[in-house]
Structure formats: C-alpha cells, structure tokens
Amino acid sequence: MVSKRNEEIAECLNRLINSDYAKGIRQQIEEAKAKLSAIRVSAIIMAASPFHRAHERLVRITLEKSDLVVIFLLETQKYKELLPFALREKTLQYFVDNYLHKNRVLVIPLRSDTFDEDCFNSANHGIVAKSLGCNTLVVGEYHNGIGFYYDDNRLKTSLDECEESANIDVVSRFVFCNECNTLVSVKTCPHGMHHHIKYNSSSLTALLKEGILPPAMLMRKDISAIILSTICPNRFKNIAQIYNDLFPSMGLIEMHSDEDFYMELMKLYQTTSLT
C-alpha cells in the first residue's frame, strides 16, 4: 500500500512539474532572474491566511539572503472557508508593493486545479520549488511534513539528500515577547513561553471573521483594514457620521471608505497616554 501511494504521489508531482501551468511559472521566474542577474533564488510556500507579522519577518529575512524571492501562494480547498484566495493574494501583494523592493519579489499562485491536494504536501514542496527554478526553499521550524531531525546539532530535513529537491533553509519560529516588547525568534529570546504571544493563523482569522481588529503587533493595521472592509462590507449604516464623531477632522462630514475607518480606529487603539 505504501509503495502504491508513493507511486501516486510521484505521478502527481510529475503532472504538476510538467504541466503547461508549471512551464508558464518557470518562464516567469526565468525572466525575473534575467532582469536581476539573480543567482540566489529562494522560494516560500505559504497560505497567508491571514498574512501576519511573522510572515513579514520570514519574507524579509529571506530577501536579505536572496537575489530573488518567489512566494508561492497556495490556493487549496483547505483554506477556502477561512479567507478567499483573491483576498489573501491582494493582502500579500499589497505588502510586497508597499514595503519591499517589489522587483525582487514574485507572488505566484499555486492553483488547486494544477495538483492533487492529497499528494502535494509539505514534504514535496522542496521538489516543486527546485523544478520551478528556485535554489532554496525557506520554511519555518514547525513546517508540517518536511521531516525535521537533528544531525551533529544541525537541523536537517528528510529532503536534504534528495537531488530533486531545493536546499531547505530552516528559520526558527517567531513570537512576540512581552518582555522584549518586540517580535523575536524563539532561539534568541531568553524569556520563557509564558512571555510569548504566538502568531496563530486560525485564531487571527477567527477574530477577523467576527469583525475584530487584531492588535497591530500581530497584524499590520492596513492589512487588517483591507481584510475587514472586504469580509464585513457596509457594516455601519452611517459610517461618515461615525467617522466624523470619533476621529479628528476638518469639521465637515466627508466621504470615507470602510478601509479608512478601520485604519483610523486602529490609531485610537494604539494611543497609550490614557492606558
């Protein structure tokens, strides 16, 4: 049974790697590499559901060590009920366009119709990344399915000796430490887990689904505003009046979007002199 399953997985990977869709992705990556004369090309495969501060740090660290970063955004049924793919793609691209050297970062969808979700698991991400033109796959220490183990005090993966796989670069988990008062790696923070606030995607999504703004330490306020204005449209009957009553203005009732409202509301949350 195991052997048969392995054959099915290999066939699934071959279909993805040799598909016209994959050929298009390879061409897109090769064109970006040529423009930058890029040698070090790193891949990150994520769902970004939602895109939070730990994701930001992972992308920035990867960009520091790479000429080109390719973020493969997963479009699978698994995440369909959390946040729509189009919204996840919009927030990720917004971050790239506004806070990074966007010519050095590509956001590429991995569409669900190009692979069998049961076989396209984390253990195969390295193989897919290399086949599409990347040298390295960057993953978190808690990335499912890669098969981490220690050898001579070095964290390795089950794909390290696989010629078909990209090199695996393991990044330590990020948390917000209330003693350090910033986002830190668990390997560099000297404080215990009882001081750590975790970046849990399902919990952040639960807040957003209820229309609650996550704290700015967990998610960038403009990312939260984009999501909430999309999933909770026309939430307030008279948003212009509420906006005028709550926030500094020129004294006139002006037209503002839901996104503007959430951005200004987060600024009030961040006011500290009375807290």
Protein backbone atom coordinates (compact mmCIF):
# COMPACT_ATOMS: atom_id res chain seq x y z
CA MET A 1 0.00 0.00 0.00
CA VAL A 2 2.83 2.41 0.89
CA SER A 3 4.62 1.67 -2.36
CA LYS A 4 1.45 2.26 -4.36
CA ARG A 5 0.84 5.53 -2.53
CA ASN A 6 4.39 6.67 -3.26
CA GLU A 7 3.83 5.92 -6.94
CA GLU A 8 0.64 8.01 -6.89
CA ILE A 9 2.49 10.90 -5.25
CA ALA A 10 5.33 10.69 -7.79
CA GLU A 11 2.80 10.69 -10.64
CA CYS A 12 1.02 13.70 -9.14
CA LEU A 13 4.29 15.63 -8.85
CA ASN A 14 5.24 14.78 -12.41
CA ARG A 15 1.88 16.05 -13.66
CA LEU A 16 2.36 19.34 -11.83
CA ILE A 17 6.01 19.80 -12.81
CA ASN A 18 5.40 19.01 -16.49
CA SER A 19 2.12 20.90 -16.86
CA ASP A 20 1.74 23.95 -19.10
CA TYR A 21 0.94 25.92 -15.95
CA ALA A 22 4.32 25.00 -14.44
CA LYS A 23 6.07 25.89 -17.70
CA GLY A 24 4.49 29.34 -17.50
CA ILE A 25 5.71 29.78 -13.93
CA ARG A 26 9.25 28.70 -14.87
CA GLN A 27 9.28 31.23 -17.71
CA GLN A 28 8.08 33.98 -15.37
CA ILE A 29 10.80 33.15 -12.84
CA GLU A 30 13.50 32.90 -15.52
CA GLU A 31 12.54 36.33 -16.86
CA ALA A 32 12.77 37.84 -13.36
CA LYS A 33 16.14 36.14 -12.81
CA ALA A 34 17.47 37.51 -16.10
CA LYS A 35 16.43 41.08 -15.25
CA LEU A 36 18.19 40.91 -11.89
CA SER A 37 21.06 38.64 -12.92
CA ALA A 38 19.84 36.67 -9.94
CA ILE A 39 21.82 33.68 -8.70
CA ARG A 40 20.31 33.07 -5.27
CA VAL A 41 16.60 32.40 -5.79
CA SER A 42 14.58 31.43 -2.73
CA ALA A 43 11.05 30.06 -2.55
CA ILE A 44 8.50 30.42 0.21
CA ILE A 45 5.28 28.41 0.04
CA MET A 46 2.52 29.80 2.22
CA ALA A 47 -1.23 30.19 2.58
CA ALA A 48 -1.04 33.68 4.19
CA SER A 49 -4.42 33.09 5.81
CA PRO A 50 -4.12 35.77 7.08
CA PHE A 51 -0.80 37.46 6.30
CA HIS A 52 0.65 38.45 9.69
CA ARG A 53 3.81 39.93 11.21
CA ALA A 54 5.65 36.60 11.46
CA HIS A 55 5.09 36.10 7.74
CA GLU A 56 6.56 39.56 7.18
CA ARG A 57 9.69 38.71 9.15
CA LEU A 58 10.13 35.42 7.27
CA VAL A 59 9.90 37.21 3.91
CA ARG A 60 12.32 39.98 4.96
CA ILE A 61 14.91 37.53 6.31
CA THR A 62 14.68 35.53 3.10
CA LEU A 63 15.04 38.66 0.96
CA GLU A 64 18.20 39.66 2.86
CA LYS A 65 19.89 36.43 1.77
CA SER A 66 18.48 36.21 -1.76
CA ASP A 67 18.64 37.99 -5.08
CA LEU A 68 15.05 36.99 -5.85
CA VAL A 69 12.27 35.65 -3.61
CA VAL A 70 9.36 33.71 -5.08
CA ILE A 71 6.32 33.42 -2.81
CA PHE A 72 4.07 30.59 -3.93
CA LEU A 73 0.60 31.32 -2.57
CA LEU A 74 -1.47 28.19 -2.04
CA GLU A 75 -4.96 28.11 -3.47
CA THR A 76 -6.49 24.97 -1.97
CA GLN A 77 -9.86 23.84 -0.68
CA LYS A 78 -8.33 23.62 2.80
CA TYR A 79 -8.21 27.41 3.12
CA LYS A 80 -11.30 28.25 1.06
CA GLU A 81 -13.58 28.70 4.07
CA LEU A 82 -11.10 30.83 6.01
CA LEU A 83 -10.22 33.73 3.71
CA PRO A 84 -10.89 33.74 -0.05
CA PHE A 85 -7.82 33.26 -2.21
CA ALA A 86 -8.31 36.57 -4.02
CA LEU A 87 -8.26 38.42 -0.68
CA ARG A 88 -5.17 36.57 0.54
CA GLU A 89 -3.43 37.36 -2.74
CA LYS A 90 -4.45 41.02 -2.50
CA THR A 91 -3.03 41.48 1.02
CA LEU A 92 0.22 39.69 0.19
CA GLN A 93 0.73 41.70 -2.99
CA TYR A 94 -0.13 44.90 -1.10
CA PHE A 95 2.67 44.17 1.38
CA VAL A 96 5.15 43.42 -1.41
CA ASP A 97 4.23 46.56 -3.37
CA ASN A 98 4.37 48.93 -0.38
CA TYR A 99 7.02 47.57 1.98
CA LEU A 100 9.60 45.63 -0.08
CA HIS A 101 11.78 46.03 -3.17
CA LYS A 102 8.97 44.68 -5.29
CA ASN A 103 11.17 43.99 -8.32
CA ARG A 104 12.93 41.33 -6.21
CA VAL A 105 9.77 39.53 -5.06
CA LEU A 106 7.34 37.48 -7.13
CA VAL A 107 3.94 36.36 -5.84
CA ILE A 108 2.81 33.32 -7.82
CA PRO A 109 -0.44 31.43 -7.18
CA LEU A 110 -0.27 27.65 -6.91
CA ARG A 111 -3.74 26.88 -8.18
CA SER A 112 -5.63 23.92 -6.76
CA ASP A 113 -6.57 22.68 -10.22
CA THR A 114 -2.92 22.00 -11.02
CA PHE A 115 -2.30 19.39 -8.33
CA ASP A 116 -3.91 16.75 -6.15
CA GLU A 117 -4.05 18.25 -2.65
CA ASP A 118 -3.62 14.85 -1.00
CA CYS A 119 -0.22 14.33 -2.60
CA PHE A 120 1.01 17.93 -2.74
CA ASN A 121 2.09 18.05 0.86
CA SER A 122 4.88 19.87 2.65
CA ALA A 123 7.37 17.07 2.07
CA ASN A 124 7.17 17.71 -1.68
CA HIS A 125 7.46 21.49 -1.56
CA GLY A 126 11.25 21.35 -1.95
CA ILE A 127 10.96 19.24 -5.09
CA VAL A 128 8.39 21.60 -6.61
CA ALA A 129 10.46 24.69 -5.71
CA LYS A 130 13.56 23.35 -7.46
CA SER A 131 11.62 22.18 -10.51
CA LEU A 132 10.22 25.70 -10.95
CA GLY A 133 13.63 27.37 -10.85
CA CYS A 134 14.45 28.08 -7.20
CA ASN A 135 17.66 27.11 -5.40
CA THR A 136 16.34 27.17 -1.85
CA LEU A 137 13.07 26.55 -0.05
CA VAL A 138 12.71 28.59 3.14
CA VAL A 139 10.49 27.03 5.79
CA GLY A 140 9.66 27.55 9.44
CA GLU A 141 10.90 25.11 12.04
CA TYR A 142 7.31 23.88 12.54
CA HIS A 143 6.60 23.38 8.83
CA ASN A 144 4.46 20.24 8.57
CA GLY A 145 5.57 17.19 6.64
CA ILE A 146 9.19 18.08 5.85
CA GLY A 147 10.52 15.61 8.44
CA PHE A 148 12.98 17.58 10.57
CA TYR A 149 15.70 15.88 12.57
CA TYR A 150 18.99 16.84 14.21
CA ASP A 151 22.37 15.62 12.95
CA ASP A 152 25.54 16.92 14.61
CA ASN A 153 23.43 19.61 16.30
CA ARG A 154 22.22 20.86 12.91
CA LEU A 155 18.57 20.82 11.98
CA LYS A 156 18.10 18.83 8.79
CA THR A 157 15.16 17.57 6.78
CA SER A 158 14.25 14.34 5.08
CA LEU A 159 14.84 16.10 1.71
CA ASP A 160 18.40 17.27 2.39
CA GLU A 161 19.91 14.36 0.47
CA CYS A 162 17.28 14.42 -2.29
CA GLU A 163 18.84 15.65 -5.55
CA GLU A 164 15.43 16.61 -6.94
CA SER A 165 14.76 18.95 -4.01
CA ALA A 166 15.85 22.53 -3.46
CA ASN A 167 18.07 23.17 -0.45
CA ILE A 168 15.97 23.56 2.70
CA ASP A 169 16.67 26.64 4.81
CA VAL A 170 15.02 26.30 8.22
CA VAL A 171 14.03 29.51 10.02
CA SER A 172 13.25 29.49 13.74
CA ARG A 173 9.73 30.24 14.95
CA PHE A 174 8.77 33.87 15.61
CA VAL A 175 6.74 35.13 18.58
CA PHE A 176 6.01 38.47 20.23
CA CYS A 177 7.73 38.60 23.64
CA ASN A 178 6.08 40.90 26.17
CA GLU A 179 9.44 41.27 27.98
CA CYS A 180 11.50 42.07 24.87
CA ASN A 181 8.46 44.07 23.66
CA THR A 182 9.06 43.11 20.05
CA LEU A 183 8.84 40.23 17.60
CA VAL A 184 11.64 37.75 18.28
CA SER A 185 12.92 34.34 17.34
CA VAL A 186 12.39 31.68 19.99
CA LYS A 187 16.10 30.84 19.58
CA THR A 188 17.27 34.34 20.52
CA CYS A 189 14.73 35.28 23.20
CA PRO A 190 15.89 34.43 26.75
CA HIS A 191 12.38 34.57 28.23
CA GLY A 192 10.06 31.61 28.68
CA MET A 193 7.00 30.63 26.70
CA HIS A 194 4.79 32.30 29.32
CA HIS A 195 6.03 35.63 27.92
CA HIS A 196 5.40 34.70 24.27
CA ILE A 197 2.40 35.71 22.18
CA LYS A 198 2.03 33.34 19.25
CA TYR A 199 1.14 34.14 15.65
CA ASN A 200 -1.67 31.64 15.23
CA SER A 201 -3.36 31.95 11.85
CA SER A 202 -6.62 30.24 12.81
CA SER A 203 -7.07 32.46 15.87
CA LEU A 204 -6.34 35.63 13.89
CA THR A 205 -8.82 34.50 11.24
CA ALA A 206 -11.42 33.89 13.96
CA LEU A 207 -11.02 37.49 15.15
CA LEU A 208 -11.33 38.85 11.64
CA LYS A 209 -14.40 36.72 10.91
CA GLU A 210 -16.06 38.33 13.95
CA GLY A 211 -15.14 41.78 12.68
CA ILE A 212 -12.48 42.39 15.34
CA LEU A 213 -9.25 44.23 14.51
CA PRO A 214 -6.22 42.15 15.56
CA PRO A 215 -3.61 44.10 17.56
CA ALA A 216 -1.00 45.82 15.38
CA MET A 217 1.73 43.72 16.99
CA LEU A 218 0.15 40.69 15.32
CA MET A 219 -1.01 42.09 12.00
CA ARG A 220 -0.18 45.26 10.12
CA LYS A 221 -3.15 47.63 10.51
CA ASP A 222 -3.53 48.31 6.79
CA ILE A 223 -3.62 44.57 6.08
CA SER A 224 -6.35 44.14 8.71
CA ALA A 225 -8.27 47.08 7.21
CA ILE A 226 -8.19 45.54 3.73
CA ILE A 227 -9.50 42.23 5.06
CA LEU A 228 -12.24 43.63 7.31
CA SER A 229 -13.52 46.08 4.71
CA THR A 230 -13.84 43.13 2.31
CA ILE A 231 -15.40 40.46 4.54
CA CYS A 232 -17.61 42.89 6.50
CA PRO A 233 -18.86 45.28 3.79
CA ASN A 234 -21.39 48.01 4.65
CA ARG A 235 -21.11 47.07 8.30
CA PHE A 236 -22.11 50.52 9.57
CA LYS A 237 -25.25 52.32 8.40
CA ASN A 238 -23.80 55.80 8.69
CA ILE A 239 -20.06 55.38 8.56
CA ALA A 240 -19.46 59.02 7.58
CA GLN A 241 -21.17 60.28 10.73
CA ILE A 242 -19.38 57.76 12.97
CA TYR A 243 -16.08 58.68 11.33
CA ASN A 244 -16.70 62.39 11.96
CA ASP A 245 -17.72 61.78 15.60
CA LEU A 246 -14.75 59.59 16.53
CA PHE A 247 -11.78 60.89 14.58
CA PRO A 248 -10.08 64.27 14.09
CA SER A 249 -11.46 66.06 11.04
CA MET A 250 -11.90 69.44 9.39
CA GLY A 251 -15.36 69.74 10.94
CA LEU A 252 -17.15 68.65 7.81
CA ILE A 253 -18.73 65.26 7.17
CA GLU A 254 -16.55 63.72 4.49
CA MET A 255 -16.85 60.53 2.49
CA HIS A 256 -14.62 57.73 3.77
CA SER A 257 -14.34 54.08 2.91
CA ASP A 258 -14.67 51.18 5.34
CA GLU A 259 -10.93 50.70 4.95
CA ASP A 260 -10.28 54.30 6.06
CA PHE A 261 -12.49 53.71 9.09
CA TYR A 262 -10.55 50.66 10.29
CA MET A 263 -7.22 52.42 9.77
CA GLU A 264 -8.29 55.37 11.93
CA LEU A 265 -9.81 53.08 14.54
CA MET A 266 -6.52 51.21 14.90
CA LYS A 267 -4.78 54.53 15.56
CA LEU A 268 -7.09 55.05 18.55
CA TYR A 269 -6.28 51.55 19.81
CA GLN A 270 -2.60 52.47 19.69
CA THR A 271 -2.97 55.66 21.75
CA THR A 272 -1.14 54.95 25.02
CA SER A 273 -1.28 58.06 27.22
CA LEU A 274 -4.60 57.02 28.80
CA THR A 275 -3.85 53.28 29.12
